[in-house]
Amino acid sequence: MSQLPESVPHDPVTPSRRDRLRPLELLGFSGVLAVFAGLIVLMVTKGDWILTAFAAGIAFIACVVVVALLGLGGKPSKEDDEARKDLQQPENGKNWH
């Protein structure tokens, strides 16, 4: 079995506070939209709580999926591209990027 080359030690990457809280922001946004959808269903069905909870749950899951897919579709920043280039180098030491 071939051995992986020893990696060059890098400085640990510490995400900013905004980067760490971003997932909570997206879940909060999804939660707000789910509550909105639940209130609409509650008003239309005139008090059917089971249908309201079901609609709010579906809206929450659908919003999380859509937000995640939109996040994956975005172009990475310049800093992300540079960080990815430094993570893996070829065995002969030449910069292959």
PDB file of N, CA and C in Angstrom:
ATOM      1  N   MET A   1       0.826  -1.163   0.000  1.00  0.00           N
ATOM      2  CA  MET A   1       0.000   0.000   0.000  1.00  0.00           C
ATOM      3  C   MET A   1       0.884   1.245   0.000  1.00  0.00           C
ATOM      4  N   SER A   2       0.532   2.208  -0.778  1.00  0.00           N
ATOM      5  CA  SER A   2       1.357   3.414  -0.834  1.00  0.00           C
ATOM      6  C   SER A   2       1.082   4.293   0.379  1.00  0.00           C
ATOM      7  N   GLN A   3       2.125   4.993   0.802  1.00  0.00           N
ATOM      8  CA  GLN A   3       1.984   5.862   1.957  1.00  0.00           C
ATOM      9  C   GLN A   3       1.753   7.281   1.489  1.00  0.00           C
ATOM     10  N   LEU A   4       0.964   7.970   2.246  1.00  0.00           N
ATOM     11  CA  LEU A   4       0.707   9.373   1.945  1.00  0.00           C
ATOM     12  C   LEU A   4       1.918  10.203   2.346  1.00  0.00           C
ATOM     13  N   PRO A   5       2.231  11.238   1.566  1.00  0.00           N
ATOM     14  CA  PRO A   5       3.352  12.097   1.951  1.00  0.00           C
ATOM     15  C   PRO A   5       3.027  12.845   3.237  1.00  0.00           C
ATOM     16  N   GLU A   6       4.049  13.128   4.003  1.00  0.00           N
ATOM     17  CA  GLU A   6       3.829  13.880   5.232  1.00  0.00           C
ATOM     18  C   GLU A   6       3.359  15.283   4.899  1.00  0.00           C
ATOM     19  N   SER A   7       2.337  15.693   5.594  1.00  0.00           N
ATOM     20  CA  SER A   7       1.786  17.011   5.310  1.00  0.00           C
ATOM     21  C   SER A   7       2.620  18.092   5.996  1.00  0.00           C
ATOM     22  N   VAL A   8       2.622  19.248   5.384  1.00  0.00           N
ATOM     23  CA  VAL A   8       3.326  20.395   5.932  1.00  0.00           C
ATOM     24  C   VAL A   8       2.449  20.982   7.030  1.00  0.00           C
ATOM     25  N   PRO A   9       2.995  21.235   8.210  1.00  0.00           N
ATOM     26  CA  PRO A   9       2.158  21.787   9.280  1.00  0.00           C
ATOM     27  C   PRO A   9       1.639  23.170   8.895  1.00  0.00           C
ATOM     28  N   HIS A  10       0.354  23.354   9.088  1.00  0.00           N
ATOM     29  CA  HIS A  10      -0.296  24.626   8.788  1.00  0.00           C
ATOM     30  C   HIS A  10      -0.762  25.266  10.083  1.00  0.00           C
ATOM     31  N   ASP A  11      -0.936  26.557  10.043  1.00  0.00           N
ATOM     32  CA  ASP A  11      -1.534  27.240  11.172  1.00  0.00           C
ATOM     33  C   ASP A  11      -2.986  26.798  11.266  1.00  0.00           C
ATOM     34  N   PRO A  12      -3.482  26.566  12.474  1.00  0.00           N
ATOM     35  CA  PRO A  12      -4.883  26.144  12.594  1.00  0.00           C
ATOM     36  C   PRO A  12      -5.808  27.269  12.126  1.00  0.00           C
ATOM     37  N   VAL A  13      -6.820  26.873  11.391  1.00  0.00           N
ATOM     38  CA  VAL A  13      -7.781  27.839  10.877  1.00  0.00           C
ATOM     39  C   VAL A  13      -8.862  28.021  11.926  1.00  0.00           C
ATOM     40  N   THR A  14      -9.027  29.242  12.366  1.00  0.00           N
ATOM     41  CA  THR A  14     -10.088  29.532  13.328  1.00  0.00           C
ATOM     42  C   THR A  14     -11.131  30.390  12.633  1.00  0.00           C
ATOM     43  N   PRO A  15     -12.348  29.864  12.491  1.00  0.00           N
ATOM     44  CA  PRO A  15     -13.385  30.630  11.817  1.00  0.00           C
ATOM     45  C   PRO A  15     -13.809  31.835  12.650  1.00  0.00           C
ATOM     46  N   SER A  16     -14.265  32.841  11.970  1.00  0.00           N
ATOM     47  CA  SER A  16     -14.732  34.034  12.670  1.00  0.00           C
ATOM     48  C   SER A  16     -16.056  33.736  13.369  1.00  0.00           C
ATOM     49  N   ARG A  17     -16.460  34.630  14.222  1.00  0.00           N
ATOM     50  CA  ARG A  17     -17.720  34.444  14.936  1.00  0.00           C
ATOM     51  C   ARG A  17     -18.888  34.393  13.966  1.00  0.00           C
ATOM     52  N   ARG A  18     -18.828  35.195  12.934  1.00  0.00           N
ATOM     53  CA  ARG A  18     -19.892  35.195  11.930  1.00  0.00           C
ATOM     54  C   ARG A  18     -19.960  33.847  11.205  1.00  0.00           C
ATOM     55  N   ASP A  19     -18.801  33.286  10.875  1.00  0.00           N
ATOM     56  CA  ASP A  19     -18.781  31.984  10.211  1.00  0.00           C
ATOM     57  C   ASP A  19     -19.323  30.882  11.112  1.00  0.00           C
ATOM     58  N   ARG A  20     -19.040  30.982  12.411  1.00  0.00           N
ATOM     59  CA  ARG A  20     -19.531  29.965  13.339  1.00  0.00           C
ATOM     60  C   ARG A  20     -21.028  30.075  13.562  1.00  0.00           C
ATOM     61  N   LEU A  21     -21.593  31.275  13.512  1.00  0.00           N
ATOM     62  CA  LEU A  21     -23.024  31.458  13.766  1.00  0.00           C
ATOM     63  C   LEU A  21     -23.873  31.351  12.505  1.00  0.00           C
ATOM     64  N   ARG A  22     -23.250  31.257  11.357  1.00  0.00           N
ATOM     65  CA  ARG A  22     -24.008  31.204  10.111  1.00  0.00           C
ATOM     66  C   ARG A  22     -25.007  30.046  10.060  1.00  0.00           C
ATOM     67  N   PRO A  23     -24.653  28.826  10.465  1.00  0.00           N
ATOM     68  CA  PRO A  23     -25.657  27.765  10.439  1.00  0.00           C
ATOM     69  C   PRO A  23     -26.863  28.059  11.326  1.00  0.00           C
ATOM     70  N   LEU A  24     -26.638  28.690  12.464  1.00  0.00           N
ATOM     71  CA  LEU A  24     -27.767  29.044  13.325  1.00  0.00           C
ATOM     72  C   LEU A  24     -28.655  30.092  12.672  1.00  0.00           C
ATOM     73  N   GLU A  25     -28.059  31.008  11.938  1.00  0.00           N
ATOM     74  CA  GLU A  25     -28.852  32.007  11.222  1.00  0.00           C
ATOM     75  C   GLU A  25     -29.732  31.344  10.174  1.00  0.00           C
ATOM     76  N   LEU A  26     -29.173  30.375   9.457  1.00  0.00           N
ATOM     77  CA  LEU A  26     -29.943  29.699   8.420  1.00  0.00           C
ATOM     78  C   LEU A  26     -31.063  28.856   9.020  1.00  0.00           C
ATOM     79  N   LEU A  27     -30.797  28.200  10.146  1.00  0.00           N
ATOM     80  CA  LEU A  27     -31.854  27.440  10.813  1.00  0.00           C
ATOM     81  C   LEU A  27     -32.920  28.373  11.385  1.00  0.00           C
ATOM     82  N   GLY A  28     -32.517  29.518  11.894  1.00  0.00           N
ATOM     83  CA  GLY A  28     -33.484  30.503  12.384  1.00  0.00           C
ATOM     84  C   GLY A  28     -34.367  31.030  11.274  1.00  0.00           C
ATOM     85  N   PHE A  29     -33.761  31.312  10.124  1.00  0.00           N
ATOM     86  CA  PHE A  29     -34.526  31.767   8.959  1.00  0.00           C
ATOM     87  C   PHE A  29     -35.527  30.699   8.535  1.00  0.00           C
ATOM     88  N   SER A  30     -35.101  29.443   8.521  1.00  0.00           N
ATOM     89  CA  SER A  30     -35.997  28.349   8.160  1.00  0.00           C
ATOM     90  C   SER A  30     -37.121  28.217   9.183  1.00  0.00           C
ATOM     91  N   GLY A  31     -36.784  28.400  10.449  1.00  0.00           N
ATOM     92  CA  GLY A  31     -37.810  28.334  11.495  1.00  0.00           C
ATOM     93  C   GLY A  31     -38.851  29.426  11.366  1.00  0.00           C
ATOM     94  N   VAL A  32     -38.412  30.634  11.042  1.00  0.00           N
ATOM     95  CA  VAL A  32     -39.356  31.743  10.862  1.00  0.00           C
ATOM     96  C   VAL A  32     -40.292  31.465   9.691  1.00  0.00           C
ATOM     97  N   LEU A  33     -39.752  30.961   8.595  1.00  0.00           N
ATOM     98  CA  LEU A  33     -40.609  30.630   7.458  1.00  0.00           C
ATOM     99  C   LEU A  33     -41.561  29.485   7.787  1.00  0.00           C
ATOM    100  N   ALA A  34     -41.125  28.527   8.590  1.00  0.00           N
ATOM    101  CA  ALA A  34     -42.000  27.426   8.993  1.00  0.00           C
ATOM    102  C   ALA A  34     -43.136  27.930   9.875  1.00  0.00           C
ATOM    103  N   VAL A  35     -42.847  28.833  10.793  1.00  0.00           N
ATOM    104  CA  VAL A  35     -43.902  29.410  11.636  1.00  0.00           C
ATOM    105  C   VAL A  35     -44.892  30.194  10.784  1.00  0.00           C
ATOM    106  N   PHE A  36     -44.385  30.946   9.818  1.00  0.00           N
ATOM    107  CA  PHE A  36     -45.261  31.693   8.917  1.00  0.00           C
ATOM    108  C   PHE A  36     -46.181  30.740   8.150  1.00  0.00           C
ATOM    109  N   ALA A  37     -45.612  29.666   7.603  1.00  0.00           N
ATOM    110  CA  ALA A  37     -46.432  28.691   6.871  1.00  0.00           C
ATOM    111  C   ALA A  37     -47.446  28.037   7.806  1.00  0.00           C
ATOM    112  N   GLY A  38     -47.021  27.739   9.027  1.00  0.00           N
ATOM    113  CA  GLY A  38     -47.949  27.154   9.997  1.00  0.00           C
ATOM    114  C   GLY A  38     -49.104  28.081  10.332  1.00  0.00           C
ATOM    115  N   LEU A  39     -48.813  29.359  10.493  1.00  0.00           N
ATOM    116  CA  LEU A  39     -49.888  30.323  10.780  1.00  0.00           C
ATOM    117  C   LEU A  39     -50.864  30.438   9.615  1.00  0.00           C
ATOM    118  N   ILE A  40     -50.353  30.416   8.408  1.00  0.00           N
ATOM    119  CA  ILE A  40     -51.235  30.477   7.238  1.00  0.00           C
ATOM    120  C   ILE A  40     -52.148  29.252   7.197  1.00  0.00           C
ATOM    121  N   VAL A  41     -51.568  28.076   7.421  1.00  0.00           N
ATOM    122  CA  VAL A  41     -52.376  26.848   7.410  1.00  0.00           C
ATOM    123  C   VAL A  41     -53.374  26.860   8.561  1.00  0.00           C
ATOM    124  N   LEU A  42     -52.965  27.361   9.718  1.00  0.00           N
ATOM    125  CA  LEU A  42     -53.873  27.440  10.865  1.00  0.00           C
ATOM    126  C   LEU A  42     -55.071  28.330  10.568  1.00  0.00           C
ATOM    127  N   MET A  43     -54.821  29.452   9.906  1.00  0.00           N
ATOM    128  CA  MET A  43     -55.934  30.362   9.571  1.00  0.00           C
ATOM    129  C   MET A  43     -56.837  29.768   8.496  1.00  0.00           C
ATOM    130  N   VAL A  44     -56.270  29.074   7.546  1.00  0.00           N
ATOM    131  CA  VAL A  44     -57.075  28.512   6.458  1.00  0.00           C
ATOM    132  C   VAL A  44     -57.913  27.340   6.951  1.00  0.00           C
ATOM    133  N   THR A  45     -57.330  26.493   7.806  1.00  0.00           N
ATOM    134  CA  THR A  45     -58.049  25.298   8.263  1.00  0.00           C
ATOM    135  C   THR A  45     -58.914  25.577   9.491  1.00  0.00           C
ATOM    136  N   LYS A  46     -58.887  26.776  10.014  1.00  0.00           N
ATOM    137  CA  LYS A  46     -59.710  27.210  11.148  1.00  0.00           C
ATOM    138  C   LYS A  46     -59.489  26.356  12.395  1.00  0.00           C
ATOM    139  N   GLY A  47     -58.212  26.105  12.713  1.00  0.00           N
ATOM    140  CA  GLY A  47     -57.885  25.487  13.987  1.00  0.00           C
ATOM    141  C   GLY A  47     -57.457  24.046  13.944  1.00  0.00           C
ATOM    142  N   ASP A  48     -57.141  23.484  12.814  1.00  0.00           N
ATOM    143  CA  ASP A  48     -56.664  22.102  12.746  1.00  0.00           C
ATOM    144  C   ASP A  48     -55.174  22.085  13.086  1.00  0.00           C
ATOM    145  N   TRP A  49     -54.854  21.763  14.349  1.00  0.00           N
ATOM    146  CA  TRP A  49     -53.485  21.858  14.842  1.00  0.00           C
ATOM    147  C   TRP A  49     -52.575  20.775  14.266  1.00  0.00           C
ATOM    148  N   ILE A  50     -53.125  19.611  14.005  1.00  0.00           N
ATOM    149  CA  ILE A  50     -52.299  18.528  13.461  1.00  0.00           C
ATOM    150  C   ILE A  50     -51.829  18.879  12.062  1.00  0.00           C
ATOM    151  N   LEU A  51     -52.737  19.376  11.237  1.00  0.00           N
ATOM    152  CA  LEU A  51     -52.364  19.780   9.883  1.00  0.00           C
ATOM    153  C   LEU A  51     -51.397  20.967   9.910  1.00  0.00           C
ATOM    154  N   THR A  52     -51.589  21.849  10.874  1.00  0.00           N
ATOM    155  CA  THR A  52     -50.692  22.996  11.012  1.00  0.00           C
ATOM    156  C   THR A  52     -49.270  22.546  11.357  1.00  0.00           C
ATOM    157  N   ALA A  53     -49.141  21.631  12.306  1.00  0.00           N
ATOM    158  CA  ALA A  53     -47.818  21.131  12.681  1.00  0.00           C
ATOM    159  C   ALA A  53     -47.176  20.383  11.518  1.00  0.00           C
ATOM    160  N   PHE A  54     -47.952  19.615  10.801  1.00  0.00           N
ATOM    161  CA  PHE A  54     -47.443  18.881   9.648  1.00  0.00           C
ATOM    162  C   PHE A  54     -46.943  19.848   8.572  1.00  0.00           C
ATOM    163  N   ALA A  55     -47.701  20.882   8.272  1.00  0.00           N
ATOM    164  CA  ALA A  55     -47.308  21.862   7.258  1.00  0.00           C
ATOM    165  C   ALA A  55     -46.076  22.647   7.702  1.00  0.00           C
ATOM    166  N   ALA A  56     -46.007  23.004   8.982  1.00  0.00           N
ATOM    167  CA  ALA A  56     -44.841  23.739   9.477  1.00  0.00           C
ATOM    168  C   ALA A  56     -43.586  22.873   9.406  1.00  0.00           C
ATOM    169  N   GLY A  57     -43.702  21.599   9.728  1.00  0.00           N
ATOM    170  CA  GLY A  57     -42.557  20.691   9.640  1.00  0.00           C
ATOM    171  C   GLY A  57     -42.067  20.525   8.213  1.00  0.00           C
ATOM    172  N   ILE A  58     -43.000  20.364   7.293  1.00  0.00           N
ATOM    173  CA  ILE A  58     -42.619  20.241   5.879  1.00  0.00           C
ATOM    174  C   ILE A  58     -41.973  21.531   5.382  1.00  0.00           C
ATOM    175  N   ALA A  59     -42.533  22.664   5.775  1.00  0.00           N
ATOM    176  CA  ALA A  59     -41.960  23.943   5.351  1.00  0.00           C
ATOM    177  C   ALA A  59     -40.556  24.125   5.915  1.00  0.00           C
ATOM    178  N   PHE A  60     -40.329  23.725   7.162  1.00  0.00           N
ATOM    179  CA  PHE A  60     -39.003  23.851   7.763  1.00  0.00           C
ATOM    180  C   PHE A  60     -37.985  22.996   7.013  1.00  0.00           C
ATOM    181  N   ILE A  61     -38.318  21.747   6.766  1.00  0.00           N
ATOM    182  CA  ILE A  61     -37.393  20.850   6.077  1.00  0.00           C
ATOM    183  C   ILE A  61     -37.119  21.338   4.660  1.00  0.00           C
ATOM    184  N   ALA A  62     -38.168  21.757   3.955  1.00  0.00           N
ATOM    185  CA  ALA A  62     -37.981  22.239   2.583  1.00  0.00           C
ATOM    186  C   ALA A  62     -37.105  23.486   2.557  1.00  0.00           C
ATOM    187  N   CYS A  63     -37.286  24.384   3.511  1.00  0.00           N
ATOM    188  CA  CYS A  63     -36.481  25.605   3.551  1.00  0.00           C
ATOM    189  C   CYS A  63     -35.032  25.296   3.873  1.00  0.00           C
ATOM    190  N   VAL A  64     -34.782  24.366   4.793  1.00  0.00           N
ATOM    191  CA  VAL A  64     -33.399  23.995   5.115  1.00  0.00           C
ATOM    192  C   VAL A  64     -32.709  23.407   3.886  1.00  0.00           C
ATOM    193  N   VAL A  65     -33.419  22.548   3.152  1.00  0.00           N
ATOM    194  CA  VAL A  65     -32.838  21.932   1.959  1.00  0.00           C
ATOM    195  C   VAL A  65     -32.533  22.985   0.895  1.00  0.00           C
ATOM    196  N   VAL A  66     -33.470  23.892   0.652  1.00  0.00           N
ATOM    197  CA  VAL A  66     -33.270  24.921  -0.370  1.00  0.00           C
ATOM    198  C   VAL A  66     -32.121  25.854   0.010  1.00  0.00           C
ATOM    199  N   VAL A  67     -32.067  26.266   1.255  1.00  0.00           N
ATOM    200  CA  VAL A  67     -30.988  27.165   1.699  1.00  0.00           C
ATOM    201  C   VAL A  67     -29.633  26.466   1.595  1.00  0.00           C
ATOM    202  N   ALA A  68     -29.578  25.173   1.939  1.00  0.00           N
ATOM    203  CA  ALA A  68     -28.318  24.430   1.841  1.00  0.00           C
ATOM    204  C   ALA A  68     -27.877  24.296   0.386  1.00  0.00           C
ATOM    205  N   LEU A  69     -28.812  24.014  -0.501  1.00  0.00           N
ATOM    206  CA  LEU A  69     -28.454  23.892  -1.912  1.00  0.00           C
ATOM    207  C   LEU A  69     -28.009  25.231  -2.497  1.00  0.00           C
ATOM    208  N   LEU A  70     -28.639  26.310  -2.084  1.00  0.00           N
ATOM    209  CA  LEU A  70     -28.205  27.625  -2.556  1.00  0.00           C
ATOM    210  C   LEU A  70     -26.809  27.957  -2.029  1.00  0.00           C
ATOM    211  N   GLY A  71     -26.523  27.556  -0.804  1.00  0.00           N
ATOM    212  CA  GLY A  71     -25.193  27.782  -0.252  1.00  0.00           C
ATOM    213  C   GLY A  71     -24.126  26.984  -0.967  1.00  0.00           C
ATOM    214  N   LEU A  72     -24.443  25.770  -1.374  1.00  0.00           N
ATOM    215  CA  LEU A  72     -23.476  24.959  -2.104  1.00  0.00           C
ATOM    216  C   LEU A  72     -23.243  25.476  -3.516  1.00  0.00           C
ATOM    217  N   GLY A  73     -24.231  26.132  -4.071  1.00  0.00           N
ATOM    218  CA  GLY A  73     -24.108  26.611  -5.445  1.00  0.00           C
ATOM    219  C   GLY A  73     -23.320  27.892  -5.592  1.00  0.00           C
ATOM    220  N   GLY A  74     -23.012  28.539  -4.491  1.00  0.00           N
ATOM    221  CA  GLY A  74     -22.280  29.795  -4.551  1.00  0.00           C
ATOM    222  C   GLY A  74     -20.819  29.604  -4.899  1.00  0.00           C
ATOM    223  N   LYS A  75     -20.235  30.626  -5.470  1.00  0.00           N
ATOM    224  CA  LYS A  75     -18.813  30.585  -5.809  1.00  0.00           C
ATOM    225  C   LYS A  75     -17.994  30.801  -4.541  1.00  0.00           C
ATOM    226  N   PRO A  76     -16.968  29.972  -4.313  1.00  0.00           N
ATOM    227  CA  PRO A  76     -16.156  30.160  -3.120  1.00  0.00           C
ATOM    228  C   PRO A  76     -15.369  31.474  -3.187  1.00  0.00           C
ATOM    229  N   SER A  77     -15.078  32.013  -2.031  1.00  0.00           N
ATOM    230  CA  SER A  77     -14.341  33.273  -1.979  1.00  0.00           C
ATOM    231  C   SER A  77     -12.882  33.037  -2.347  1.00  0.00           C
ATOM    232  N   LYS A  78     -12.164  34.129  -2.542  1.00  0.00           N
ATOM    233  CA  LYS A  78     -10.746  34.051  -2.903  1.00  0.00           C
ATOM    234  C   LYS A  78      -9.933  33.387  -1.796  1.00  0.00           C
ATOM    235  N   GLU A  79     -10.288  33.677  -0.532  1.00  0.00           N
ATOM    236  CA  GLU A  79      -9.590  33.075   0.592  1.00  0.00           C
ATOM    237  C   GLU A  79      -9.804  31.564   0.632  1.00  0.00           C
ATOM    238  N   ASP A  80     -11.028  31.111   0.306  1.00  0.00           N
ATOM    239  CA  ASP A  80     -11.294  29.675   0.273  1.00  0.00           C
ATOM    240  C   ASP A  80     -10.479  28.988  -0.807  1.00  0.00           C
ATOM    241  N   ASP A  81     -10.393  29.610  -1.968  1.00  0.00           N
ATOM    242  CA  ASP A  81      -9.596  29.021  -3.047  1.00  0.00           C
ATOM    243  C   ASP A  81      -8.129  28.888  -2.649  1.00  0.00           C
ATOM    244  N   GLU A  82      -7.578  29.918  -2.025  1.00  0.00           N
ATOM    245  CA  GLU A  82      -6.179  29.874  -1.601  1.00  0.00           C
ATOM    246  C   GLU A  82      -5.963  28.809  -0.524  1.00  0.00           C
ATOM    247  N   ALA A  83      -6.916  28.691   0.401  1.00  0.00           N
ATOM    248  CA  ALA A  83      -6.779  27.693   1.470  1.00  0.00           C
ATOM    249  C   ALA A  83      -6.827  26.286   0.898  1.00  0.00           C
ATOM    250  N   ARG A  84      -7.664  26.062  -0.092  1.00  0.00           N
ATOM    251  CA  ARG A  84      -7.755  24.734  -0.693  1.00  0.00           C
ATOM    252  C   ARG A  84      -6.495  24.386  -1.476  1.00  0.00           C
ATOM    253  N   LYS A  85      -5.875  25.367  -2.076  1.00  0.00           N
ATOM    254  CA  LYS A  85      -4.650  25.107  -2.825  1.00  0.00           C
ATOM    255  C   LYS A  85      -3.524  24.686  -1.903  1.00  0.00           C
ATOM    256  N   ASP A  86      -3.491  25.228  -0.695  1.00  0.00           N
ATOM    257  CA  ASP A  86      -2.411  24.914   0.235  1.00  0.00           C
ATOM    258  C   ASP A  86      -2.598  23.581   0.949  1.00  0.00           C
ATOM    259  N   LEU A  87      -3.779  22.992   0.903  1.00  0.00           N
ATOM    260  CA  LEU A  87      -4.036  21.777   1.656  1.00  0.00           C
ATOM    261  C   LEU A  87      -3.359  20.548   1.071  1.00  0.00           C
ATOM    262  N   GLN A  88      -3.200  20.499  -0.232  1.00  0.00           N
ATOM    263  CA  GLN A  88      -2.635  19.297  -0.837  1.00  0.00           C
ATOM    264  C   GLN A  88      -1.605  19.687  -1.873  1.00  0.00           C
ATOM    265  N   GLN A  89      -0.450  19.112  -1.766  1.00  0.00           N
ATOM    266  CA  GLN A  89       0.644  19.355  -2.697  1.00  0.00           C
ATOM    267  C   GLN A  89       1.057  18.021  -3.305  1.00  0.00           C
ATOM    268  N   PRO A  90       1.574  18.008  -4.508  1.00  0.00           N
ATOM    269  CA  PRO A  90       2.047  16.740  -5.087  1.00  0.00           C
ATOM    270  C   PRO A  90       3.314  16.258  -4.393  1.00  0.00           C
ATOM    271  N   GLU A  91       3.648  15.003  -4.624  1.00  0.00           N
ATOM    272  CA  GLU A  91       4.789  14.407  -3.949  1.00  0.00           C
ATOM    273  C   GLU A  91       6.127  15.030  -4.327  1.00  0.00           C
ATOM    274  N   ASN A  92       6.274  15.488  -5.572  1.00  0.00           N
ATOM    275  CA  ASN A  92       7.567  16.024  -5.996  1.00  0.00           C
ATOM    276  C   ASN A  92       7.794  17.447  -5.524  1.00  0.00           C
ATOM    277  N   GLY A  93       6.814  18.057  -4.869  1.00  0.00           N
ATOM    278  CA  GLY A  93       7.017  19.370  -4.277  1.00  0.00           C
ATOM    279  C   GLY A  93       6.697  20.534  -5.194  1.00  0.00           C
ATOM    280  N   LYS A  94       6.416  20.277  -6.460  1.00  0.00           N
ATOM    281  CA  LYS A  94       6.084  21.382  -7.358  1.00  0.00           C
ATOM    282  C   LYS A  94       4.652  21.838  -7.113  1.00  0.00           C
ATOM    283  N   ASN A  95       4.443  23.095  -7.315  1.00  0.00           N
ATOM    284  CA  ASN A  95       3.088  23.632  -7.143  1.00  0.00           C
ATOM    285  C   ASN A  95       2.315  23.320  -8.413  1.00  0.00           C
ATOM    286  N   TRP A  96       1.360  22.481  -8.333  1.00  0.00           N
ATOM    287  CA  TRP A  96       0.626  21.991  -9.500  1.00  0.00           C
ATOM    288  C   TRP A  96      -0.660  22.734  -9.774  1.00  0.00           C
ATOM    289  N   HIS A  97      -0.916  23.787  -9.030  1.00  0.00           N
ATOM    290  CA  HIS A  97      -2.167  24.531  -9.226  1.00  0.00           C
ATOM    291  C   HIS A  97      -1.990  25.536 -10.325  1.00  0.00           C
TER     292      HIS A  97
END
